[in-house]
Amino acid sequence: GFDLGNSPLEYTRAVVEGRTICFTTTNGTRLIRAAEGARRLF
């Protein structure tokens, strides 16, 4: 039911320009949410 997977090559300009991506992955998004209290997060 998702529009895209987790391949960076899927996220082309024609597909994503101007859009917000609600994004979830096995490991990476868990790390990001654990770190979201940092003063700055990149």
PDB file of all heavy atoms in Angstrom:
ATOM      1  N   GLY A   1       0.790  -1.228   0.000  1.00  0.00           N
ATOM      2  CA  GLY A   1       0.000   0.000   0.000  1.00  0.00           C
ATOM      3  C   GLY A   1       0.820   1.273   0.000  1.00  0.00           C
ATOM      4  O   GLY A   1       0.250   2.364  -0.092  1.00  0.00           O
ATOM      5  N   PHE A   2       2.149   1.181   0.085  1.00  0.00           N
ATOM      6  CA  PHE A   2       3.010   2.360   0.068  1.00  0.00           C
ATOM      7  C   PHE A   2       3.375   2.726  -1.369  1.00  0.00           C
ATOM      8  O   PHE A   2       3.409   1.875  -2.261  1.00  0.00           O
ATOM      9  CB  PHE A   2       4.273   2.119   0.887  1.00  0.00           C
ATOM     10  CG  PHE A   2       4.098   2.378   2.361  1.00  0.00           C
ATOM     11  CD1 PHE A   2       2.999   1.878   3.057  1.00  0.00           C
ATOM     12  CD2 PHE A   2       5.028   3.135   3.063  1.00  0.00           C
ATOM     13  CE1 PHE A   2       2.839   2.123   4.411  1.00  0.00           C
ATOM     14  CE2 PHE A   2       4.882   3.391   4.414  1.00  0.00           C
ATOM     15  CZ  PHE A   2       3.772   2.888   5.091  1.00  0.00           C
ATOM     16  N   ASP A   3       3.629   4.007  -1.573  1.00  0.00           N
ATOM     17  CA  ASP A   3       3.957   4.493  -2.912  1.00  0.00           C
ATOM     18  C   ASP A   3       5.391   4.164  -3.312  1.00  0.00           C
ATOM     19  O   ASP A   3       5.681   3.940  -4.494  1.00  0.00           O
ATOM     20  CB  ASP A   3       3.769   6.019  -2.970  1.00  0.00           C
ATOM     21  CG  ASP A   3       2.369   6.441  -2.568  1.00  0.00           C
ATOM     22  OD1 ASP A   3       1.430   6.140  -3.323  1.00  0.00           O
ATOM     23  OD2 ASP A   3       2.213   7.042  -1.489  1.00  0.00           O
ATOM     24  N   LEU A   4       6.282   4.167  -2.326  1.00  0.00           N
ATOM     25  CA  LEU A   4       7.708   4.005  -2.574  1.00  0.00           C
ATOM     26  C   LEU A   4       8.318   3.097  -1.520  1.00  0.00           C
ATOM     27  O   LEU A   4       7.779   2.956  -0.421  1.00  0.00           O
ATOM     28  CB  LEU A   4       8.418   5.373  -2.522  1.00  0.00           C
ATOM     29  CG  LEU A   4       7.957   6.423  -3.534  1.00  0.00           C
ATOM     30  CD1 LEU A   4       8.400   7.810  -3.087  1.00  0.00           C
ATOM     31  CD2 LEU A   4       8.501   6.105  -4.915  1.00  0.00           C
ATOM     32  N   GLY A   5       9.458   2.511  -1.858  1.00  0.00           N
ATOM     33  CA  GLY A   5      10.194   1.715  -0.885  1.00  0.00           C
ATOM     34  C   GLY A   5      11.272   2.545  -0.220  1.00  0.00           C
ATOM     35  O   GLY A   5      11.068   3.709   0.120  1.00  0.00           O
ATOM     36  N   ASN A   6      12.457   1.951  -0.085  1.00  0.00           N
ATOM     37  CA  ASN A   6      13.576   2.638   0.562  1.00  0.00           C
ATOM     38  C   ASN A   6      14.783   2.687  -0.374  1.00  0.00           C
ATOM     39  O   ASN A   6      15.920   2.711   0.074  1.00  0.00           O
ATOM     40  CB  ASN A   6      13.943   1.938   1.872  1.00  0.00           C
ATOM     41  CG  ASN A   6      14.977   2.692   2.685  1.00  0.00           C
ATOM     42  OD1 ASN A   6      15.120   3.909   2.553  1.00  0.00           O
ATOM     43  ND2 ASN A   6      15.709   1.986   3.527  1.00  0.00           N
ATOM     44  N   SER A   7      14.534   2.705  -1.663  1.00  0.00           N
ATOM     45  CA  SER A   7      15.624   2.869  -2.623  1.00  0.00           C
ATOM     46  C   SER A   7      15.753   4.337  -2.984  1.00  0.00           C
ATOM     47  O   SER A   7      14.783   4.952  -3.453  1.00  0.00           O
ATOM     48  CB  SER A   7      15.357   2.073  -3.901  1.00  0.00           C
ATOM     49  OG  SER A   7      16.265   2.461  -4.924  1.00  0.00           O
ATOM     50  N   PRO A   8      16.934   4.939  -2.792  1.00  0.00           N
ATOM     51  CA  PRO A   8      17.071   6.355  -3.160  1.00  0.00           C
ATOM     52  C   PRO A   8      16.803   6.606  -4.637  1.00  0.00           C
ATOM     53  O   PRO A   8      16.405   7.708  -5.017  1.00  0.00           O
ATOM     54  CB  PRO A   8      18.529   6.676  -2.791  1.00  0.00           C
ATOM     55  CG  PRO A   8      19.220   5.355  -2.699  1.00  0.00           C
ATOM     56  CD  PRO A   8      18.186   4.373  -2.253  1.00  0.00           C
ATOM     57  N   LEU A   9      16.971   5.584  -5.455  1.00  0.00           N
ATOM     58  CA  LEU A   9      16.761   5.760  -6.894  1.00  0.00           C
ATOM     59  C   LEU A   9      15.283   5.894  -7.254  1.00  0.00           C
ATOM     60  O   LEU A   9      14.954   6.350  -8.349  1.00  0.00           O
ATOM     61  CB  LEU A   9      17.398   4.592  -7.651  1.00  0.00           C
ATOM     62  CG  LEU A   9      18.910   4.441  -7.446  1.00  0.00           C
ATOM     63  CD1 LEU A   9      19.426   3.212  -8.166  1.00  0.00           C
ATOM     64  CD2 LEU A   9      19.649   5.684  -7.911  1.00  0.00           C
ATOM     65  N   GLU A  10      14.399   5.498  -6.364  1.00  0.00           N
ATOM     66  CA  GLU A  10      12.960   5.678  -6.602  1.00  0.00           C
ATOM     67  C   GLU A  10      12.530   7.133  -6.425  1.00  0.00           C
ATOM     68  O   GLU A  10      11.503   7.551  -6.971  1.00  0.00           O
ATOM     69  CB  GLU A  10      12.152   4.829  -5.627  1.00  0.00           C
ATOM     70  CG  GLU A  10      12.285   3.340  -5.757  1.00  0.00           C
ATOM     71  CD  GLU A  10      11.437   2.639  -4.713  1.00  0.00           C
ATOM     72  OE1 GLU A  10      10.210   2.541  -4.910  1.00  0.00           O
ATOM     73  OE2 GLU A  10      11.991   2.221  -3.675  1.00  0.00           O
ATOM     74  N   TYR A  11      13.300   7.891  -5.655  1.00  0.00           N
ATOM     75  CA  TYR A  11      12.868   9.218  -5.237  1.00  0.00           C
ATOM     76  C   TYR A  11      13.343  10.273  -6.235  1.00  0.00           C
ATOM     77  O   TYR A  11      14.105  11.177  -5.933  1.00  0.00           O
ATOM     78  CB  TYR A  11      13.372   9.498  -3.819  1.00  0.00           C
ATOM     79  CG  TYR A  11      12.662   8.653  -2.783  1.00  0.00           C
ATOM     80  CD1 TYR A  11      12.866   7.271  -2.710  1.00  0.00           C
ATOM     81  CD2 TYR A  11      11.760   9.214  -1.889  1.00  0.00           C
ATOM     82  CE1 TYR A  11      12.205   6.497  -1.771  1.00  0.00           C
ATOM     83  CE2 TYR A  11      11.094   8.452  -0.950  1.00  0.00           C
ATOM     84  CZ  TYR A  11      11.319   7.087  -0.901  1.00  0.00           C
ATOM     85  OH  TYR A  11      10.644   6.320   0.028  1.00  0.00           O
ATOM     86  N   THR A  12      12.873  10.132  -7.455  1.00  0.00           N
ATOM     87  CA  THR A  12      13.255  11.030  -8.539  1.00  0.00           C
ATOM     88  C   THR A  12      12.475  12.343  -8.435  1.00  0.00           C
ATOM     89  O   THR A  12      11.430  12.421  -7.779  1.00  0.00           O
ATOM     90  CB  THR A  12      12.979  10.391  -9.896  1.00  0.00           C
ATOM     91  OG1 THR A  12      11.557  10.160 -10.015  1.00  0.00           O
ATOM     92  CG2 THR A  12      13.713   9.057 -10.038  1.00  0.00           C
ATOM     93  N   ARG A  13      12.965  13.351  -9.131  1.00  0.00           N
ATOM     94  CA  ARG A  13      12.280  14.640  -9.124  1.00  0.00           C
ATOM     95  C   ARG A  13      10.855  14.514  -9.645  1.00  0.00           C
ATOM     96  O   ARG A  13       9.920  15.133  -9.122  1.00  0.00           O
ATOM     97  CB  ARG A  13      13.070  15.663  -9.948  1.00  0.00           C
ATOM     98  CG  ARG A  13      12.488  17.075  -9.898  1.00  0.00           C
ATOM     99  CD  ARG A  13      13.450  18.097 -10.463  1.00  0.00           C
ATOM    100  NE  ARG A  13      14.651  18.213  -9.640  1.00  0.00           N
ATOM    101  CZ  ARG A  13      14.743  18.992  -8.564  1.00  0.00           C
ATOM    102  NH1 ARG A  13      13.693  19.725  -8.175  1.00  0.00           N
ATOM    103  NH2 ARG A  13      15.859  19.062  -7.878  1.00  0.00           N
ATOM    104  N   ALA A  14      10.664  13.717 -10.670  1.00  0.00           N
ATOM    105  CA  ALA A  14       9.325  13.563 -11.250  1.00  0.00           C
ATOM    106  C   ALA A  14       8.340  12.982 -10.244  1.00  0.00           C
ATOM    107  O   ALA A  14       7.138  13.273 -10.303  1.00  0.00           O
ATOM    108  CB  ALA A  14       9.401  12.671 -12.492  1.00  0.00           C
ATOM    109  N   VAL A  15       8.822  12.192  -9.315  1.00  0.00           N
ATOM    110  CA  VAL A  15       7.952  11.533  -8.342  1.00  0.00           C
ATOM    111  C   VAL A  15       7.748  12.371  -7.086  1.00  0.00           C
ATOM    112  O   VAL A  15       6.625  12.469  -6.567  1.00  0.00           O
ATOM    113  CB  VAL A  15       8.528  10.149  -7.973  1.00  0.00           C
ATOM    114  CG1 VAL A  15       7.738   9.510  -6.833  1.00  0.00           C
ATOM    115  CG2 VAL A  15       8.535   9.234  -9.182  1.00  0.00           C
ATOM    116  N   VAL A  16       8.816  13.002  -6.574  1.00  0.00           N
ATOM    117  CA  VAL A  16       8.745  13.571  -5.225  1.00  0.00           C
ATOM    118  C   VAL A  16       8.693  15.094  -5.173  1.00  0.00           C
ATOM    119  O   VAL A  16       8.423  15.648  -4.102  1.00  0.00           O
ATOM    120  CB  VAL A  16       9.934  13.089  -4.359  1.00  0.00           C
ATOM    121  CG1 VAL A  16       9.980  11.575  -4.319  1.00  0.00           C
ATOM    122  CG2 VAL A  16      11.259  13.673  -4.829  1.00  0.00           C
ATOM    123  N   GLU A  17       8.926  15.794  -6.248  1.00  0.00           N
ATOM    124  CA  GLU A  17       9.015  17.256  -6.169  1.00  0.00           C
ATOM    125  C   GLU A  17       7.737  17.854  -5.584  1.00  0.00           C
ATOM    126  O   GLU A  17       6.624  17.550  -6.016  1.00  0.00           O
ATOM    127  CB  GLU A  17       9.279  17.862  -7.542  1.00  0.00           C
ATOM    128  CG  GLU A  17       9.561  19.346  -7.488  1.00  0.00           C
ATOM    129  CD  GLU A  17      10.101  19.881  -8.804  1.00  0.00           C
ATOM    130  OE1 GLU A  17       9.876  19.247  -9.854  1.00  0.00           O
ATOM    131  OE2 GLU A  17      10.755  20.943  -8.767  1.00  0.00           O
ATOM    132  N   GLY A  18       7.904  18.680  -4.554  1.00  0.00           N
ATOM    133  CA  GLY A  18       6.781  19.349  -3.915  1.00  0.00           C
ATOM    134  C   GLY A  18       5.982  18.492  -2.965  1.00  0.00           C
ATOM    135  O   GLY A  18       5.003  18.965  -2.373  1.00  0.00           O
ATOM    136  N   ARG A  19       6.397  17.261  -2.766  1.00  0.00           N
ATOM    137  CA  ARG A  19       5.630  16.344  -1.922  1.00  0.00           C
ATOM    138  C   ARG A  19       6.324  16.132  -0.579  1.00  0.00           C
ATOM    139  O   ARG A  19       7.544  16.242  -0.463  1.00  0.00           O
ATOM    140  CB  ARG A  19       5.481  14.969  -2.604  1.00  0.00           C
ATOM    141  CG  ARG A  19       5.081  15.006  -4.063  1.00  0.00           C
ATOM    142  CD  ARG A  19       3.659  15.503  -4.262  1.00  0.00           C
ATOM    143  NE  ARG A  19       2.665  14.566  -3.829  1.00  0.00           N
ATOM    144  CZ  ARG A  19       2.195  13.558  -4.597  1.00  0.00           C
ATOM    145  NH1 ARG A  19       2.690  13.344  -5.802  1.00  0.00           N
ATOM    146  NH2 ARG A  19       1.242  12.759  -4.141  1.00  0.00           N
ATOM    147  N   THR A  20       5.545  15.793   0.431  1.00  0.00           N
ATOM    148  CA  THR A  20       6.080  15.335   1.709  1.00  0.00           C
ATOM    149  C   THR A  20       6.043  13.820   1.726  1.00  0.00           C
ATOM    150  O   THR A  20       5.038  13.211   1.331  1.00  0.00           O
ATOM    151  CB  THR A  20       5.267  15.902   2.881  1.00  0.00           C
ATOM    152  OG1 THR A  20       5.474  17.317   2.943  1.00  0.00           O
ATOM    153  CG2 THR A  20       5.696  15.281   4.205  1.00  0.00           C
ATOM    154  N   ILE A  21       7.130  13.213   2.186  1.00  0.00           N
ATOM    155  CA  ILE A  21       7.217  11.758   2.264  1.00  0.00           C
ATOM    156  C   ILE A  21       7.058  11.340   3.719  1.00  0.00           C
ATOM    157  O   ILE A  21       7.870  11.723   4.571  1.00  0.00           O
ATOM    158  CB  ILE A  21       8.572  11.235   1.744  1.00  0.00           C
ATOM    159  CG1 ILE A  21       9.013  11.956   0.470  1.00  0.00           C
ATOM    160  CG2 ILE A  21       8.528   9.722   1.570  1.00  0.00           C
ATOM    161  CD1 ILE A  21       8.116  11.788  -0.697  1.00  0.00           C
ATOM    162  N   CYS A  22       6.036  10.579   4.025  1.00  0.00           N
ATOM    163  CA  CYS A  22       5.910   9.939   5.336  1.00  0.00           C
ATOM    164  C   CYS A  22       6.645   8.607   5.235  1.00  0.00           C
ATOM    165  O   CYS A  22       6.251   7.732   4.457  1.00  0.00           O
ATOM    166  CB  CYS A  22       4.449   9.752   5.711  1.00  0.00           C
ATOM    167  SG  CYS A  22       3.560  11.320   5.884  1.00  0.00           S
ATOM    168  N   PHE A  23       7.708   8.444   6.015  1.00  0.00           N
ATOM    169  CA  PHE A  23       8.772   7.496   5.697  1.00  0.00           C
ATOM    170  C   PHE A  23       9.099   6.638   6.907  1.00  0.00           C
ATOM    171  O   PHE A  23       9.324   7.149   8.008  1.00  0.00           O
ATOM    172  CB  PHE A  23       9.993   8.321   5.283  1.00  0.00           C
ATOM    173  CG  PHE A  23      11.191   7.568   4.810  1.00  0.00           C
ATOM    174  CD1 PHE A  23      11.127   6.741   3.703  1.00  0.00           C
ATOM    175  CD2 PHE A  23      12.410   7.730   5.459  1.00  0.00           C
ATOM    176  CE1 PHE A  23      12.256   6.073   3.251  1.00  0.00           C
ATOM    177  CE2 PHE A  23      13.543   7.066   5.015  1.00  0.00           C
ATOM    178  CZ  PHE A  23      13.462   6.237   3.900  1.00  0.00           C
ATOM    179  N   THR A  24       9.138   5.317   6.722  1.00  0.00           N
ATOM    180  CA  THR A  24       9.469   4.423   7.819  1.00  0.00           C
ATOM    181  C   THR A  24      10.351   3.289   7.319  1.00  0.00           C
ATOM    182  O   THR A  24      10.096   2.716   6.260  1.00  0.00           O
ATOM    183  CB  THR A  24       8.201   3.863   8.494  1.00  0.00           C
ATOM    184  OG1 THR A  24       8.582   3.074   9.629  1.00  0.00           O
ATOM    185  CG2 THR A  24       7.357   3.041   7.553  1.00  0.00           C
ATOM    186  N   THR A  25      11.418   2.981   8.080  1.00  0.00           N
ATOM    187  CA  THR A  25      12.337   1.915   7.694  1.00  0.00           C
ATOM    188  C   THR A  25      12.668   1.059   8.912  1.00  0.00           C
ATOM    189  O   THR A  25      12.358   1.413  10.048  1.00  0.00           O
ATOM    190  CB  THR A  25      13.636   2.474   7.090  1.00  0.00           C
ATOM    191  OG1 THR A  25      14.411   3.113   8.110  1.00  0.00           O
ATOM    192  CG2 THR A  25      13.353   3.452   5.965  1.00  0.00           C
ATOM    193  N   THR A  26      13.348  -0.044   8.654  1.00  0.00           N
ATOM    194  CA  THR A  26      13.628  -1.000   9.720  1.00  0.00           C
ATOM    195  C   THR A  26      14.538  -0.421  10.791  1.00  0.00           C
ATOM    196  O   THR A  26      14.304  -0.605  11.994  1.00  0.00           O
ATOM    197  CB  THR A  26      14.260  -2.271   9.125  1.00  0.00           C
ATOM    198  OG1 THR A  26      13.401  -2.800   8.103  1.00  0.00           O
ATOM    199  CG2 THR A  26      14.470  -3.328  10.200  1.00  0.00           C
ATOM    200  N   ASN A  27      15.596   0.282  10.378  1.00  0.00           N
ATOM    201  CA  ASN A  27      16.590   0.773  11.334  1.00  0.00           C
ATOM    202  C   ASN A  27      16.710   2.291  11.361  1.00  0.00           C
ATOM    203  O   ASN A  27      16.778   2.900  12.427  1.00  0.00           O
ATOM    204  CB  ASN A  27      17.968   0.176  11.003  1.00  0.00           C
ATOM    205  CG  ASN A  27      17.986  -1.331  11.096  1.00  0.00           C
ATOM    206  OD1 ASN A  27      17.847  -1.907  12.167  1.00  0.00           O
ATOM    207  ND2 ASN A  27      18.156  -1.991   9.955  1.00  0.00           N
ATOM    208  N   GLY A  28      16.766   2.921  10.208  1.00  0.00           N
ATOM    209  CA  GLY A  28      17.109   4.330  10.142  1.00  0.00           C
ATOM    210  C   GLY A  28      16.128   5.264  10.813  1.00  0.00           C
ATOM    211  O   GLY A  28      16.525   6.182  11.547  1.00  0.00           O
ATOM    212  N   THR A  29      14.855   5.067  10.578  1.00  0.00           N
ATOM    213  CA  THR A  29      13.892   6.002  11.175  1.00  0.00           C
ATOM    214  C   THR A  29      13.784   5.799  12.686  1.00  0.00           C
ATOM    215  O   THR A  29      13.477   6.737  13.419  1.00  0.00           O
ATOM    216  CB  THR A  29      12.512   5.892  10.506  1.00  0.00           C
ATOM    217  OG1 THR A  29      12.052   4.534  10.521  1.00  0.00           O
ATOM    218  CG2 THR A  29      12.584   6.368   9.064  1.00  0.00           C
ATOM    219  N   ARG A  30      14.089   4.606  13.160  1.00  0.00           N
ATOM    220  CA  ARG A  30      14.137   4.391  14.614  1.00  0.00           C
ATOM    221  C   ARG A  30      15.266   5.210  15.227  1.00  0.00           C
ATOM    222  O   ARG A  30      15.107   5.829  16.294  1.00  0.00           O
ATOM    223  CB  ARG A  30      14.327   2.900  14.900  1.00  0.00           C
ATOM    224  CG  ARG A  30      14.450   2.559  16.373  1.00  0.00           C
ATOM    225  CD  ARG A  30      14.413   1.058  16.590  1.00  0.00           C
ATOM    226  NE  ARG A  30      14.885   0.713  17.919  1.00  0.00           N
ATOM    227  CZ  ARG A  30      16.077   0.249  18.199  1.00  0.00           C
ATOM    228  NH1 ARG A  30      16.955   0.054  17.233  1.00  0.00           N
ATOM    229  NH2 ARG A  30      16.437  -0.045  19.425  1.00  0.00           N
ATOM    230  N   LEU A  31      16.423   5.222  14.578  1.00  0.00           N
ATOM    231  CA  LEU A  31      17.537   6.035  15.059  1.00  0.00           C
ATOM    232  C   LEU A  31      17.167   7.512  15.070  1.00  0.00           C
ATOM    233  O   LEU A  31      17.419   8.230  16.046  1.00  0.00           O
ATOM    234  CB  LEU A  31      18.762   5.826  14.168  1.00  0.00           C
ATOM    235  CG  LEU A  31      19.905   6.817  14.395  1.00  0.00           C
ATOM    236  CD1 LEU A  31      20.620   6.531  15.704  1.00  0.00           C
ATOM    237  CD2 LEU A  31      20.882   6.791  13.228  1.00  0.00           C
ATOM    238  N   ILE A  32      16.571   7.983  13.983  1.00  0.00           N
ATOM    239  CA  ILE A  32      16.226   9.403  13.880  1.00  0.00           C
ATOM    240  C   ILE A  32      15.277   9.811  14.990  1.00  0.00           C
ATOM    241  O   ILE A  32      15.470  10.847  15.649  1.00  0.00           O
ATOM    242  CB  ILE A  32      15.613   9.692  12.499  1.00  0.00           C
ATOM    243  CG1 ILE A  32      16.688   9.555  11.407  1.00  0.00           C
ATOM    244  CG2 ILE A  32      14.972  11.073  12.465  1.00  0.00           C
ATOM    245  CD1 ILE A  32      16.127   9.391  10.014  1.00  0.00           C
ATOM    246  N   ARG A  33      14.285   9.007  15.240  1.00  0.00           N
ATOM    247  CA  ARG A  33      13.332   9.363  16.285  1.00  0.00           C
ATOM    248  C   ARG A  33      13.970   9.296  17.667  1.00  0.00           C
ATOM    249  O   ARG A  33      13.612  10.062  18.562  1.00  0.00           O
ATOM    250  CB  ARG A  33      12.111   8.454  16.182  1.00  0.00           C
ATOM    251  CG  ARG A  33      11.281   8.717  14.922  1.00  0.00           C
ATOM    252  CD  ARG A  33      10.560  10.054  14.968  1.00  0.00           C
ATOM    253  NE  ARG A  33       9.568  10.028  16.008  1.00  0.00           N
ATOM    254  CZ  ARG A  33       8.324   9.592  15.831  1.00  0.00           C
ATOM    255  NH1 ARG A  33       7.919   9.166  14.628  1.00  0.00           N
ATOM    256  NH2 ARG A  33       7.467   9.601  16.824  1.00  0.00           N
ATOM    257  N   ALA A  34      14.946   8.415  17.864  1.00  0.00           N
ATOM    258  CA  ALA A  34      15.665   8.378  19.142  1.00  0.00           C
ATOM    259  C   ALA A  34      16.478   9.639  19.346  1.00  0.00           C
ATOM    260  O   ALA A  34      16.710  10.061  20.485  1.00  0.00           O
ATOM    261  CB  ALA A  34      16.575   7.147  19.192  1.00  0.00           C
ATOM    262  N   ALA A  35      16.925  10.239  18.241  1.00  0.00           N
ATOM    263  CA  ALA A  35      17.799  11.415  18.316  1.00  0.00           C
ATOM    264  C   ALA A  35      17.056  12.737  18.160  1.00  0.00           C
ATOM    265  O   ALA A  35      17.688  13.793  18.161  1.00  0.00           O
ATOM    266  CB  ALA A  35      18.877  11.314  17.237  1.00  0.00           C
ATOM    267  N   GLU A  36      15.740  12.708  18.087  1.00  0.00           N
ATOM    268  CA  GLU A  36      15.021  13.930  17.730  1.00  0.00           C
ATOM    269  C   GLU A  36      15.073  15.004  18.822  1.00  0.00           C
ATOM    270  O   GLU A  36      14.738  16.155  18.552  1.00  0.00           O
ATOM    271  CB  GLU A  36      13.582  13.619  17.348  1.00  0.00           C
ATOM    272  CG  GLU A  36      12.728  13.070  18.452  1.00  0.00           C
ATOM    273  CD  GLU A  36      11.335  12.687  17.975  1.00  0.00           C
ATOM    274  OE1 GLU A  36      10.995  12.933  16.800  1.00  0.00           O
ATOM    275  OE2 GLU A  36      10.577  12.157  18.794  1.00  0.00           O
ATOM    276  N   GLY A  37      15.517  14.671  20.010  1.00  0.00           N
ATOM    277  CA  GLY A  37      15.665  15.667  21.050  1.00  0.00           C
ATOM    278  C   GLY A  37      16.973  16.429  20.993  1.00  0.00           C
ATOM    279  O   GLY A  37      17.206  17.321  21.816  1.00  0.00           O
ATOM    280  N   ALA A  38      17.835  16.093  20.046  1.00  0.00           N
ATOM    281  CA  ALA A  38      19.112  16.799  19.920  1.00  0.00           C
ATOM    282  C   ALA A  38      18.883  18.268  19.580  1.00  0.00           C
ATOM    283  O   ALA A  38      17.885  18.627  18.943  1.00  0.00           O
ATOM    284  CB  ALA A  38      19.966  16.148  18.833  1.00  0.00           C
ATOM    285  N   ARG A  39      19.829  19.097  19.967  1.00  0.00           N
ATOM    286  CA  ARG A  39      19.711  20.518  19.660  1.00  0.00           C
ATOM    287  C   ARG A  39      19.658  20.769  18.158  1.00  0.00           C
ATOM    288  O   ARG A  39      18.917  21.625  17.687  1.00  0.00           O
ATOM    289  CB  ARG A  39      20.881  21.283  20.298  1.00  0.00           C
ATOM    290  CG  ARG A  39      20.835  22.790  20.076  1.00  0.00           C
ATOM    291  CD  ARG A  39      21.860  23.502  20.947  1.00  0.00           C
ATOM    292  NE  ARG A  39      23.203  22.979  20.799  1.00  0.00           N
ATOM    293  CZ  ARG A  39      24.006  23.271  19.753  1.00  0.00           C
ATOM    294  NH1 ARG A  39      23.575  24.042  18.778  1.00  0.00           N
ATOM    295  NH2 ARG A  39      25.226  22.773  19.705  1.00  0.00           N
ATOM    296  N   ARG A  40      20.462  20.036  17.408  1.00  0.00           N
ATOM    297  CA  ARG A  40      20.395  20.078  15.950  1.00  0.00           C
ATOM    298  C   ARG A  40      20.554  18.652  15.452  1.00  0.00           C
ATOM    299  O   ARG A  40      21.353  17.886  15.990  1.00  0.00           O
ATOM    300  CB  ARG A  40      21.502  20.954  15.346  1.00  0.00           C
ATOM    301  CG  ARG A  40      21.457  22.398  15.802  1.00  0.00           C
ATOM    302  CD  ARG A  40      22.473  23.237  15.030  1.00  0.00           C
ATOM    303  NE  ARG A  40      21.999  23.540  13.688  1.00  0.00           N
ATOM    304  CZ  ARG A  40      22.762  24.043  12.718  1.00  0.00           C
ATOM    305  NH1 ARG A  40      24.054  24.252  12.937  1.00  0.00           N
ATOM    306  NH2 ARG A  40      22.265  24.323  11.540  1.00  0.00           N
ATOM    307  N   LEU A  41      19.781  18.284  14.437  1.00  0.00           N
ATOM    308  CA  LEU A  41      19.814  16.925  13.898  1.00  0.00           C
ATOM    309  C   LEU A  41      19.828  16.987  12.384  1.00  0.00           C
ATOM    310  O   LEU A  41      18.975  17.625  11.764  1.00  0.00           O
ATOM    311  CB  LEU A  41      18.591  16.137  14.393  1.00  0.00           C
ATOM    312  CG  LEU A  41      18.412  14.720  13.862  1.00  0.00           C
ATOM    313  CD1 LEU A  41      19.607  13.838  14.202  1.00  0.00           C
ATOM    314  CD2 LEU A  41      17.116  14.113  14.413  1.00  0.00           C
ATOM    315  N   PHE A  42      20.819  16.306  11.805  1.00  0.00           N
ATOM    316  CA  PHE A  42      20.977  16.253  10.355  1.00  0.00           C
ATOM    317  C   PHE A  42      20.906  14.794   9.898  1.00  0.00           C
ATOM    318  O   PHE A  42      21.166  13.877  10.679  1.00  0.00           O
ATOM    319  CB  PHE A  42      22.337  16.822   9.932  1.00  0.00           C
ATOM    320  CG  PHE A  42      22.681  18.140  10.552  1.00  0.00           C
ATOM    321  CD1 PHE A  42      23.764  18.255  11.414  1.00  0.00           C
ATOM    322  CD2 PHE A  42      21.922  19.267  10.286  1.00  0.00           C
ATOM    323  CE1 PHE A  42      24.097  19.473  11.993  1.00  0.00           C
ATOM    324  CE2 PHE A  42      22.234  20.484  10.862  1.00  0.00           C
ATOM    325  CZ  PHE A  42      23.322  20.597  11.715  1.00  0.00           C
TER     326      PHE A  42
END
